[in-house]
Amino acid sequence: LNQIEVWLSILARKLLRRGNFFSTADLKAQILSFIDYFN
């Protein structure tokens, strides 16, 4: 569970706090792109 918490905090710091999202589809696309980059 700890690794998931670390990954979610990275997601929040690097994407969610700095992002501008025009729709939920845009948010989903950016999260999926972040996952691809992170892996």
N, C-alpha and C. Protein backbone atom coordinates (compact mmCIF):
# COMPACT_ATOMS: atom_id res chain seq x y z
N LEU A 1 0.83 -1.20 0.00
CA LEU A 1 0.00 0.00 0.00
C LEU A 1 0.87 1.25 0.00
N ASN A 2 2.00 1.21 0.59
CA ASN A 2 2.87 2.37 0.68
C ASN A 2 3.34 2.83 -0.70
N GLN A 3 3.65 1.92 -1.60
CA GLN A 3 4.10 2.30 -2.94
C GLN A 3 2.99 3.02 -3.70
N ILE A 4 1.76 2.61 -3.50
CA ILE A 4 0.63 3.27 -4.15
C ILE A 4 0.50 4.70 -3.64
N GLU A 5 0.66 4.89 -2.35
CA GLU A 5 0.58 6.23 -1.77
C GLU A 5 1.68 7.13 -2.33
N VAL A 6 2.87 6.60 -2.49
CA VAL A 6 3.98 7.37 -3.05
C VAL A 6 3.66 7.77 -4.48
N TRP A 7 3.18 6.82 -5.28
CA TRP A 7 2.88 7.10 -6.68
C TRP A 7 1.76 8.13 -6.80
N LEU A 8 0.73 8.01 -5.96
CA LEU A 8 -0.36 8.99 -6.02
C LEU A 8 0.11 10.38 -5.61
N SER A 9 1.04 10.46 -4.68
CA SER A 9 1.55 11.78 -4.30
C SER A 9 2.37 12.39 -5.43
N ILE A 10 3.11 11.56 -6.16
CA ILE A 10 3.85 12.06 -7.33
C ILE A 10 2.88 12.54 -8.39
N LEU A 11 1.83 11.77 -8.63
CA LEU A 11 0.80 12.17 -9.59
C LEU A 11 0.18 13.50 -9.19
N ALA A 12 -0.14 13.65 -7.94
CA ALA A 12 -0.76 14.90 -7.47
C ALA A 12 0.19 16.08 -7.62
N ARG A 13 1.46 15.89 -7.25
CA ARG A 13 2.42 17.00 -7.31
C ARG A 13 2.75 17.40 -8.74
N LYS A 14 2.96 16.43 -9.61
CA LYS A 14 3.46 16.75 -10.95
C LYS A 14 2.37 17.02 -11.97
N LEU A 15 1.19 16.48 -11.76
CA LEU A 15 0.15 16.62 -12.79
C LEU A 15 -1.06 17.39 -12.29
N LEU A 16 -1.63 16.96 -11.21
CA LEU A 16 -2.92 17.52 -10.79
C LEU A 16 -2.83 18.95 -10.29
N ARG A 17 -1.79 19.27 -9.55
CA ARG A 17 -1.68 20.64 -9.02
C ARG A 17 -1.31 21.65 -10.08
N ARG A 18 -0.60 21.23 -11.11
CA ARG A 18 -0.12 22.17 -12.13
C ARG A 18 -0.96 22.15 -13.40
N GLY A 19 -1.89 21.21 -13.49
CA GLY A 19 -2.61 21.02 -14.74
C GLY A 19 -3.82 21.91 -14.91
N ASN A 20 -4.12 22.18 -16.16
CA ASN A 20 -5.37 22.84 -16.54
C ASN A 20 -6.13 21.84 -17.38
N PHE A 21 -7.31 21.49 -16.93
CA PHE A 21 -8.09 20.46 -17.60
C PHE A 21 -9.39 21.08 -18.10
N PHE A 22 -9.68 20.81 -19.37
CA PHE A 22 -10.85 21.41 -19.99
C PHE A 22 -12.09 20.54 -19.85
N SER A 23 -11.88 19.25 -19.61
CA SER A 23 -13.00 18.33 -19.43
C SER A 23 -12.50 17.10 -18.70
N THR A 24 -13.42 16.25 -18.32
CA THR A 24 -13.01 15.01 -17.66
C THR A 24 -12.27 14.10 -18.63
N ALA A 25 -12.62 14.17 -19.92
CA ALA A 25 -11.91 13.37 -20.92
C ALA A 25 -10.46 13.85 -21.05
N ASP A 26 -10.25 15.16 -20.98
CA ASP A 26 -8.90 15.72 -21.03
C ASP A 26 -8.10 15.29 -19.80
N LEU A 27 -8.72 15.32 -18.63
CA LEU A 27 -8.07 14.87 -17.40
C LEU A 27 -7.67 13.40 -17.52
N LYS A 28 -8.58 12.59 -18.01
CA LYS A 28 -8.30 11.16 -18.17
C LYS A 28 -7.14 10.94 -19.14
N ALA A 29 -7.14 11.65 -20.25
CA ALA A 29 -6.07 11.51 -21.25
C ALA A 29 -4.72 11.91 -20.66
N GLN A 30 -4.69 12.98 -19.88
CA GLN A 30 -3.43 13.43 -19.29
C GLN A 30 -2.94 12.47 -18.22
N ILE A 31 -3.85 11.89 -17.45
CA ILE A 31 -3.44 10.90 -16.44
C ILE A 31 -2.90 9.66 -17.12
N LEU A 32 -3.55 9.19 -18.18
CA LEU A 32 -3.07 8.00 -18.89
C LEU A 32 -1.71 8.27 -19.54
N SER A 33 -1.53 9.46 -20.04
CA SER A 33 -0.23 9.82 -20.63
C SER A 33 0.85 9.89 -19.56
N PHE A 34 0.51 10.38 -18.37
CA PHE A 34 1.44 10.42 -17.25
C PHE A 34 1.83 8.99 -16.83
N ILE A 35 0.85 8.10 -16.81
CA ILE A 35 1.12 6.70 -16.46
C ILE A 35 2.08 6.08 -17.46
N ASP A 36 1.86 6.33 -18.74
CA ASP A 36 2.76 5.81 -19.77
C ASP A 36 4.17 6.37 -19.58
N TYR A 37 4.28 7.65 -19.30
CA TYR A 37 5.59 8.27 -19.10
C TYR A 37 6.27 7.71 -17.83
N PHE A 38 5.49 7.56 -16.77
CA PHE A 38 6.04 7.12 -15.51
C PHE A 38 6.55 5.68 -15.57
N ASN A 39 5.86 4.86 -16.34
CA ASN A 39 6.28 3.46 -16.45
C ASN A 39 7.44 3.38 -17.39
